Amino acid sequence: MIGYLRKYKTGAICICPGVPNYSSLGETPQYDWIISVYGNDTEELPNNAPTSLGKEVTITTYVDANLYHDWTTGRAETGTLDFLNGTPIDWFSKRQNTVETATYGSEVVAARIASDRIIDMRMTLRYLGVPIKGKSYMFGDNQSVVTSSTIPHSLSYHRVREAIAAKVLDFLHNDRKTNPANVLSKHCGHIDAWPHLKWLLFWQGAPPLGGEVIPHKKGEPKV
């Protein structure tokens, strides 16, 4: 860790309050969940939260899993990275509590954990009086998990499907090479980790998720 800090002195977290621009994703698919077991489900909202004030925020989460991460127990690893607008604010990297025998199973468990974290974050922000802009965005690099979580009558994890049906989040696919959650779920060497760390901590030009940037102040590290 000390060697890393010595070599990469210019690393810093980019504070980007601007709302991410996901217009390039186009219209997300809409499904008729009324015919599913969830019915016309909606997000559970607190009835005693303060009035929301200030600028709206969008939650973005990247999720990934690594099958057979722990050779002693055979359990997989979950990694998630959470953004508020364009700013990374939280991360999660932990061994899963169950042994999965296929990548699909470990990725579904990771998606469920990420969904729970999004639901918790949305509730926390509301109690802090922060206005949330629409649905949250969750990105995973396993296409089969993303697909089975969004199509009705599939055998995916009900927790993820329920969150999607209630319009809490959209679960979208992204390429494995551009998924920063990889550094939180896998044993990564420098060659594999650097593209993700560069995007998060050593970015140049426009912010990672778009939007404006907090101006640099004297005495603070430049990015």
C-alpha atoms as a PDB file:
ATOM      1  CA  MET A   1       0.000   0.000   0.000  1.00  0.00           C
ATOM      2  CA  ILE A   2       2.831   2.388   0.881  1.00  0.00           C
ATOM      3  CA  GLY A   3       4.560   1.551  -2.393  1.00  0.00           C
ATOM      4  CA  TYR A   4       1.370   2.305  -4.308  1.00  0.00           C
ATOM      5  CA  LEU A   5       0.947   5.694  -2.618  1.00  0.00           C
ATOM      6  CA  ARG A   6       4.587   6.550  -3.261  1.00  0.00           C
ATOM      7  CA  LYS A   7       4.340   5.735  -6.972  1.00  0.00           C
ATOM      8  CA  TYR A   8       0.909   7.284  -7.622  1.00  0.00           C
ATOM      9  CA  LYS A   9       1.025  10.566  -5.728  1.00  0.00           C
ATOM     10  CA  THR A  10      -1.412  12.286  -8.090  1.00  0.00           C
ATOM     11  CA  GLY A  11      -4.261   9.864  -7.448  1.00  0.00           C
ATOM     12  CA  ALA A  12      -7.441  11.525  -6.204  1.00  0.00           C
ATOM     13  CA  ILE A  13     -11.178  10.897  -6.151  1.00  0.00           C
ATOM     14  CA  CYS A  14     -12.976  13.035  -8.701  1.00  0.00           C
ATOM     15  CA  ILE A  15     -15.823  15.057  -7.141  1.00  0.00           C
ATOM     16  CA  CYS A  16     -18.394  15.412  -9.924  1.00  0.00           C
ATOM     17  CA  PRO A  17     -21.815  16.718  -8.813  1.00  0.00           C
ATOM     18  CA  GLY A  18     -23.170  16.746 -12.369  1.00  0.00           C
ATOM     19  CA  VAL A  19     -25.907  14.215 -13.160  1.00  0.00           C
ATOM     20  CA  PRO A  20     -24.586  11.412 -15.429  1.00  0.00           C
ATOM     21  CA  ASN A  21     -25.692  11.486 -19.040  1.00  0.00           C
ATOM     22  CA  TYR A  22     -27.065   8.081 -19.997  1.00  0.00           C
ATOM     23  CA  SER A  23     -28.831   9.248 -23.144  1.00  0.00           C
ATOM     24  CA  SER A  24     -26.540   7.030 -25.231  1.00  0.00           C
ATOM     25  CA  LEU A  25     -28.178   3.979 -23.637  1.00  0.00           C
ATOM     26  CA  GLY A  26     -31.432   4.817 -25.385  1.00  0.00           C
ATOM     27  CA  GLU A  27     -34.791   3.798 -23.959  1.00  0.00           C
ATOM     28  CA  THR A  28     -34.509   0.992 -21.428  1.00  0.00           C
ATOM     29  CA  PRO A  29     -36.846  -1.977 -22.102  1.00  0.00           C
ATOM     30  CA  GLN A  30     -40.242  -1.796 -20.421  1.00  0.00           C
ATOM     31  CA  TYR A  31     -41.984  -4.956 -19.230  1.00  0.00           C
ATOM     32  CA  ASP A  32     -45.542  -5.718 -18.236  1.00  0.00           C
ATOM     33  CA  TRP A  33     -44.865  -6.796 -14.664  1.00  0.00           C
ATOM     34  CA  ILE A  34     -48.579  -6.727 -13.817  1.00  0.00           C
ATOM     35  CA  ILE A  35     -48.882 -10.304 -15.112  1.00  0.00           C
ATOM     36  CA  SER A  36     -45.953 -11.486 -12.963  1.00  0.00           C
ATOM     37  CA  VAL A  37     -46.000 -12.591  -9.320  1.00  0.00           C
ATOM     38  CA  TYR A  38     -45.002  -9.055  -8.282  1.00  0.00           C
ATOM     39  CA  GLY A  39     -48.107  -7.398  -9.703  1.00  0.00           C
ATOM     40  CA  ASN A  40     -48.152  -3.616  -9.923  1.00  0.00           C
ATOM     41  CA  ASP A  41     -45.333  -3.186  -7.412  1.00  0.00           C
ATOM     42  CA  THR A  42     -43.932   0.212  -6.404  1.00  0.00           C
ATOM     43  CA  GLU A  43     -40.974   1.391  -4.380  1.00  0.00           C
ATOM     44  CA  GLU A  44     -41.469   1.571  -0.619  1.00  0.00           C
ATOM     45  CA  LEU A  45     -41.185   5.225   0.409  1.00  0.00           C
ATOM     46  CA  PRO A  46     -40.762   6.581   3.956  1.00  0.00           C
ATOM     47  CA  ASN A  47     -43.721   8.549   5.295  1.00  0.00           C
ATOM     48  CA  ASN A  48     -41.700  10.550   7.813  1.00  0.00           C
ATOM     49  CA  ALA A  49     -38.780  11.726   5.684  1.00  0.00           C
ATOM     50  CA  PRO A  50     -38.019  15.467   5.528  1.00  0.00           C
ATOM     51  CA  THR A  51     -38.875  17.550   2.489  1.00  0.00           C
ATOM     52  CA  SER A  52     -36.311  17.023  -0.242  1.00  0.00           C
ATOM     53  CA  LEU A  53     -34.175  20.049  -1.041  1.00  0.00           C
ATOM     54  CA  GLY A  54     -31.286  20.853  -3.331  1.00  0.00           C
ATOM     55  CA  LYS A  55     -29.990  19.223  -6.473  1.00  0.00           C
ATOM     56  CA  GLU A  56     -31.259  15.842  -7.648  1.00  0.00           C
ATOM     57  CA  VAL A  57     -28.903  12.869  -7.589  1.00  0.00           C
ATOM     58  CA  THR A  58     -28.681   9.661  -9.588  1.00  0.00           C
ATOM     59  CA  ILE A  59     -27.243   6.472  -8.088  1.00  0.00           C
ATOM     60  CA  THR A  60     -25.033   4.331 -10.321  1.00  0.00           C
ATOM     61  CA  THR A  61     -23.672   0.957  -9.187  1.00  0.00           C
ATOM     62  CA  TYR A  62     -21.243  -1.405 -10.891  1.00  0.00           C
ATOM     63  CA  VAL A  63     -21.318  -5.022  -9.745  1.00  0.00           C
ATOM     64  CA  ASP A  64     -19.163  -8.076 -10.394  1.00  0.00           C
ATOM     65  CA  ALA A  65     -18.446 -11.505  -8.910  1.00  0.00           C
ATOM     66  CA  ASN A  66     -15.482 -13.893  -9.026  1.00  0.00           C
ATOM     67  CA  LEU A  67     -16.371 -17.596  -8.899  1.00  0.00           C
ATOM     68  CA  TYR A  68     -14.223 -19.806  -6.625  1.00  0.00           C
ATOM     69  CA  HIS A  69     -12.357 -16.776  -5.280  1.00  0.00           C
ATOM     70  CA  ASP A  70     -11.572 -18.500  -1.973  1.00  0.00           C
ATOM     71  CA  TRP A  71      -9.797 -21.800  -2.665  1.00  0.00           C
ATOM     72  CA  THR A  72     -10.250 -22.940   0.937  1.00  0.00           C
ATOM     73  CA  THR A  73     -14.042 -22.688   1.054  1.00  0.00           C
ATOM     74  CA  GLY A  74     -14.898 -22.519  -2.661  1.00  0.00           C
ATOM     75  CA  ARG A  75     -16.902 -19.336  -2.151  1.00  0.00           C
ATOM     76  CA  ALA A  76     -17.106 -16.497  -4.644  1.00  0.00           C
ATOM     77  CA  GLU A  77     -16.315 -12.817  -4.106  1.00  0.00           C
ATOM     78  CA  THR A  78     -18.709  -9.897  -4.594  1.00  0.00           C
ATOM     79  CA  GLY A  79     -17.491  -6.450  -5.622  1.00  0.00           C
ATOM     80  CA  THR A  80     -19.601  -3.309  -6.042  1.00  0.00           C
ATOM     81  CA  LEU A  81     -18.735   0.325  -6.682  1.00  0.00           C
ATOM     82  CA  ASP A  82     -21.328   3.028  -5.979  1.00  0.00           C
ATOM     83  CA  PHE A  83     -21.586   6.539  -7.430  1.00  0.00           C
ATOM     84  CA  LEU A  84     -23.725   9.528  -6.484  1.00  0.00           C
ATOM     85  CA  ASN A  85     -23.970  11.424  -9.758  1.00  0.00           C
ATOM     86  CA  GLY A  86     -20.380  11.291 -11.027  1.00  0.00           C
ATOM     87  CA  THR A  87     -18.679  10.821  -7.655  1.00  0.00           C
ATOM     88  CA  PRO A  88     -17.612   7.395  -6.314  1.00  0.00           C
ATOM     89  CA  ILE A  89     -18.808   7.353  -2.693  1.00  0.00           C
ATOM     90  CA  ASP A  90     -18.778   3.737  -1.517  1.00  0.00           C
ATOM     91  CA  TRP A  91     -17.492   0.272  -2.358  1.00  0.00           C
ATOM     92  CA  PHE A  92     -18.082  -3.300  -1.215  1.00  0.00           C
ATOM     93  CA  SER A  93     -15.738  -6.287  -1.488  1.00  0.00           C
ATOM     94  CA  LYS A  94     -16.621  -9.404   0.472  1.00  0.00           C
ATOM     95  CA  ARG A  95     -16.673 -13.174   0.216  1.00  0.00           C
ATOM     96  CA  GLN A  96     -20.137 -14.586  -0.416  1.00  0.00           C
ATOM     97  CA  ASN A  97     -21.859 -16.614   2.307  1.00  0.00           C
ATOM     98  CA  THR A  98     -22.729 -19.563   0.061  1.00  0.00           C
ATOM     99  CA  VAL A  99     -20.819 -21.809  -2.333  1.00  0.00           C
ATOM    100  CA  GLU A 100     -21.956 -21.414  -5.944  1.00  0.00           C
ATOM    101  CA  THR A 101     -21.051 -24.034  -8.544  1.00  0.00           C
ATOM    102  CA  ALA A 102     -21.418 -21.825 -11.621  1.00  0.00           C
ATOM    103  CA  THR A 103     -20.576 -18.245 -12.590  1.00  0.00           C
ATOM    104  CA  TYR A 104     -24.259 -17.527 -13.111  1.00  0.00           C
ATOM    105  CA  GLY A 105     -25.068 -18.324  -9.486  1.00  0.00           C
ATOM    106  CA  SER A 106     -22.294 -16.150  -8.052  1.00  0.00           C
ATOM    107  CA  GLU A 107     -23.223 -13.251 -10.345  1.00  0.00           C
ATOM    108  CA  VAL A 108     -26.892 -13.459  -9.316  1.00  0.00           C
ATOM    109  CA  VAL A 109     -25.927 -13.366  -5.631  1.00  0.00           C
ATOM    110  CA  ALA A 110     -23.731 -10.328  -6.347  1.00  0.00           C
ATOM    111  CA  ALA A 111     -26.617  -8.624  -8.165  1.00  0.00           C
ATOM    112  CA  ARG A 112     -28.879  -9.234  -5.178  1.00  0.00           C
ATOM    113  CA  ILE A 113     -26.308  -7.710  -2.804  1.00  0.00           C
ATOM    114  CA  ALA A 114     -25.893  -4.686  -5.082  1.00  0.00           C
ATOM    115  CA  SER A 115     -29.682  -4.258  -5.301  1.00  0.00           C
ATOM    116  CA  ASP A 116     -29.963  -4.311  -1.504  1.00  0.00           C
ATOM    117  CA  ARG A 117     -27.260  -1.654  -1.259  1.00  0.00           C
ATOM    118  CA  ILE A 118     -29.060   0.559  -3.785  1.00  0.00           C
ATOM    119  CA  ILE A 119     -32.373   0.206  -1.923  1.00  0.00           C
ATOM    120  CA  ASP A 120     -30.653   1.062   1.376  1.00  0.00           C
ATOM    121  CA  MET A 121     -28.862   4.051  -0.159  1.00  0.00           C
ATOM    122  CA  ARG A 122     -32.064   5.440  -1.668  1.00  0.00           C
ATOM    123  CA  MET A 123     -33.813   5.198   1.707  1.00  0.00           C
ATOM    124  CA  THR A 124     -30.877   6.821   3.534  1.00  0.00           C
ATOM    125  CA  LEU A 125     -30.719   9.717   1.084  1.00  0.00           C
ATOM    126  CA  ARG A 126     -34.440  10.361   1.441  1.00  0.00           C
ATOM    127  CA  TYR A 127     -34.109  10.557   5.213  1.00  0.00           C
ATOM    128  CA  LEU A 128     -31.283  13.055   4.686  1.00  0.00           C
ATOM    129  CA  GLY A 129     -33.563  15.183   2.522  1.00  0.00           C
ATOM    130  CA  VAL A 130     -31.747  14.479  -0.744  1.00  0.00           C
ATOM    131  CA  PRO A 131     -33.978  14.373  -3.874  1.00  0.00           C
ATOM    132  CA  ILE A 132     -33.442  11.242  -6.000  1.00  0.00           C
ATOM    133  CA  LYS A 133     -33.846  11.517  -9.748  1.00  0.00           C
ATOM    134  CA  GLY A 134     -35.889   8.579 -11.018  1.00  0.00           C
ATOM    135  CA  LYS A 135     -34.522   5.061 -11.070  1.00  0.00           C
ATOM    136  CA  SER A 136     -31.000   4.019 -10.213  1.00  0.00           C
ATOM    137  CA  TYR A 137     -28.662   2.317 -12.695  1.00  0.00           C
ATOM    138  CA  MET A 138     -26.913  -0.975 -11.998  1.00  0.00           C
ATOM    139  CA  PHE A 139     -24.356  -2.311 -14.465  1.00  0.00           C
ATOM    140  CA  GLY A 140     -23.059  -5.879 -14.603  1.00  0.00           C
ATOM    141  CA  ASP A 141     -20.882  -7.635 -17.190  1.00  0.00           C
ATOM    142  CA  ASN A 142     -22.686 -11.009 -17.193  1.00  0.00           C
ATOM    143  CA  GLN A 143     -25.236 -10.800 -19.995  1.00  0.00           C
ATOM    144  CA  SER A 144     -27.199 -13.915 -18.959  1.00  0.00           C
ATOM    145  CA  VAL A 145     -27.751 -12.579 -15.434  1.00  0.00           C
ATOM    146  CA  VAL A 146     -28.844  -9.172 -16.728  1.00  0.00           C
ATOM    147  CA  THR A 147     -31.242 -10.751 -19.219  1.00  0.00           C
ATOM    148  CA  SER A 148     -32.840 -13.243 -16.829  1.00  0.00           C
ATOM    149  CA  SER A 149     -33.290 -10.518 -14.214  1.00  0.00           C
ATOM    150  CA  THR A 150     -35.327  -8.311 -16.520  1.00  0.00           C
ATOM    151  CA  ILE A 151     -37.480 -10.755 -18.496  1.00  0.00           C
ATOM    152  CA  PRO A 152     -40.660 -11.876 -16.684  1.00  0.00           C
ATOM    153  CA  HIS A 153     -41.106 -15.577 -15.809  1.00  0.00           C
ATOM    154  CA  SER A 154     -37.358 -16.248 -15.617  1.00  0.00           C
ATOM    155  CA  LEU A 155     -35.660 -18.103 -12.764  1.00  0.00           C
ATOM    156  CA  SER A 156     -33.476 -15.228 -11.650  1.00  0.00           C
ATOM    157  CA  TYR A 157     -33.212 -13.979  -8.121  1.00  0.00           C
ATOM    158  CA  HIS A 158     -36.545 -12.556  -7.003  1.00  0.00           C
ATOM    159  CA  ARG A 159     -34.976  -9.750  -5.036  1.00  0.00           C
ATOM    160  CA  VAL A 160     -33.403  -8.241  -8.153  1.00  0.00           C
ATOM    161  CA  ARG A 161     -36.515  -8.738 -10.262  1.00  0.00           C
ATOM    162  CA  GLU A 162     -38.724  -7.191  -7.591  1.00  0.00           C
ATOM    163  CA  ALA A 163     -36.499  -4.082  -7.452  1.00  0.00           C
ATOM    164  CA  ILE A 164     -36.722  -3.759 -11.235  1.00  0.00           C
ATOM    165  CA  ALA A 165     -40.493  -4.315 -11.230  1.00  0.00           C
ATOM    166  CA  ALA A 166     -40.879  -1.604  -8.572  1.00  0.00           C
ATOM    167  CA  LYS A 167     -38.848   0.778 -10.775  1.00  0.00           C
ATOM    168  CA  VAL A 168     -36.159   1.137  -8.127  1.00  0.00           C
ATOM    169  CA  LEU A 169     -33.413   0.361 -10.617  1.00  0.00           C
ATOM    170  CA  ASP A 170     -32.555  -0.691 -14.146  1.00  0.00           C
ATOM    171  CA  PHE A 171     -30.087  -3.571 -14.550  1.00  0.00           C
ATOM    172  CA  LEU A 172     -27.962  -3.042 -17.650  1.00  0.00           C
ATOM    173  CA  HIS A 173     -25.077  -4.872 -19.280  1.00  0.00           C
ATOM    174  CA  ASN A 174     -21.615  -3.380 -19.702  1.00  0.00           C
ATOM    175  CA  ASP A 175     -18.425  -4.821 -21.113  1.00  0.00           C
ATOM    176  CA  ARG A 176     -16.114  -6.629 -18.702  1.00  0.00           C
ATOM    177  CA  LYS A 177     -13.199  -4.454 -19.808  1.00  0.00           C
ATOM    178  CA  THR A 178     -15.033  -1.311 -18.667  1.00  0.00           C
ATOM    179  CA  ASN A 179     -16.463  -2.644 -15.394  1.00  0.00           C
ATOM    180  CA  PRO A 180     -14.531  -1.008 -12.516  1.00  0.00           C
ATOM    181  CA  ALA A 181     -16.029  -3.479 -10.016  1.00  0.00           C
ATOM    182  CA  ASN A 182     -13.490  -6.007 -11.338  1.00  0.00           C
ATOM    183  CA  VAL A 183     -10.814  -4.561  -9.050  1.00  0.00           C
ATOM    184  CA  LEU A 184     -13.077  -5.265  -6.060  1.00  0.00           C
ATOM    185  CA  SER A 185     -13.927  -8.861  -6.915  1.00  0.00           C
ATOM    186  CA  LYS A 186     -10.825 -10.368  -8.546  1.00  0.00           C
ATOM    187  CA  HIS A 187      -7.113 -10.763  -7.907  1.00  0.00           C
ATOM    188  CA  CYS A 188      -5.897  -8.135 -10.378  1.00  0.00           C
ATOM    189  CA  GLY A 189      -2.339  -7.427 -11.424  1.00  0.00           C
ATOM    190  CA  HIS A 190      -1.276  -3.964 -12.521  1.00  0.00           C
ATOM    191  CA  ILE A 191      -2.029  -4.614 -16.197  1.00  0.00           C
ATOM    192  CA  ASP A 192      -5.640  -5.557 -15.397  1.00  0.00           C
ATOM    193  CA  ALA A 193      -6.252  -3.047 -12.606  1.00  0.00           C
ATOM    194  CA  TRP A 194      -4.657   0.037 -14.155  1.00  0.00           C
ATOM    195  CA  PRO A 195      -7.365   0.738 -16.798  1.00  0.00           C
ATOM    196  CA  HIS A 196     -10.006   0.854 -14.026  1.00  0.00           C
ATOM    197  CA  LEU A 197      -7.901   2.853 -11.560  1.00  0.00           C
ATOM    198  CA  LYS A 198      -6.918   5.324 -14.268  1.00  0.00           C
ATOM    199  CA  TRP A 199     -10.578   5.890 -15.096  1.00  0.00           C
ATOM    200  CA  LEU A 200     -11.467   6.482 -11.428  1.00  0.00           C
ATOM    201  CA  LEU A 201      -8.421   8.121  -9.880  1.00  0.00           C
ATOM    202  CA  PHE A 202      -6.244   9.456 -12.695  1.00  0.00           C
ATOM    203  CA  TRP A 203      -8.795  10.647 -15.241  1.00  0.00           C
ATOM    204  CA  GLN A 204      -7.954  13.316 -17.793  1.00  0.00           C
ATOM    205  CA  GLY A 205     -10.351  15.661 -19.573  1.00  0.00           C
ATOM    206  CA  ALA A 206     -14.061  15.074 -18.980  1.00  0.00           C
ATOM    207  CA  PRO A 207     -15.230  13.483 -15.703  1.00  0.00           C
ATOM    208  CA  PRO A 208     -15.776   9.686 -15.761  1.00  0.00           C
ATOM    209  CA  LEU A 209     -19.597   9.860 -15.748  1.00  0.00           C
ATOM    210  CA  GLY A 210     -20.000  13.327 -17.214  1.00  0.00           C
ATOM    211  CA  GLY A 211     -21.135  16.542 -15.581  1.00  0.00           C
ATOM    212  CA  GLU A 212     -19.308  19.443 -13.982  1.00  0.00           C
ATOM    213  CA  VAL A 213     -16.296  19.206 -11.680  1.00  0.00           C
ATOM    214  CA  ILE A 214     -15.580  20.867  -8.343  1.00  0.00           C
ATOM    215  CA  PRO A 215     -12.794  23.434  -9.072  1.00  0.00           C
ATOM    216  CA  HIS A 216      -9.320  22.611  -7.817  1.00  0.00           C
ATOM    217  CA  LYS A 217      -8.227  24.547  -4.738  1.00  0.00           C
ATOM    218  CA  LYS A 218      -4.719  25.543  -3.814  1.00  0.00           C
ATOM    219  CA  GLY A 219      -2.979  22.916  -1.716  1.00  0.00           C
ATOM    220  CA  GLU A 220      -5.162  20.062  -2.945  1.00  0.00           C
ATOM    221  CA  PRO A 221      -3.868  17.336  -5.291  1.00  0.00           C
ATOM    222  CA  LYS A 222      -4.629  17.973  -8.951  1.00  0.00           C
ATOM    223  CA  VAL A 223      -6.327  15.327 -11.068  1.00  0.00           C
END
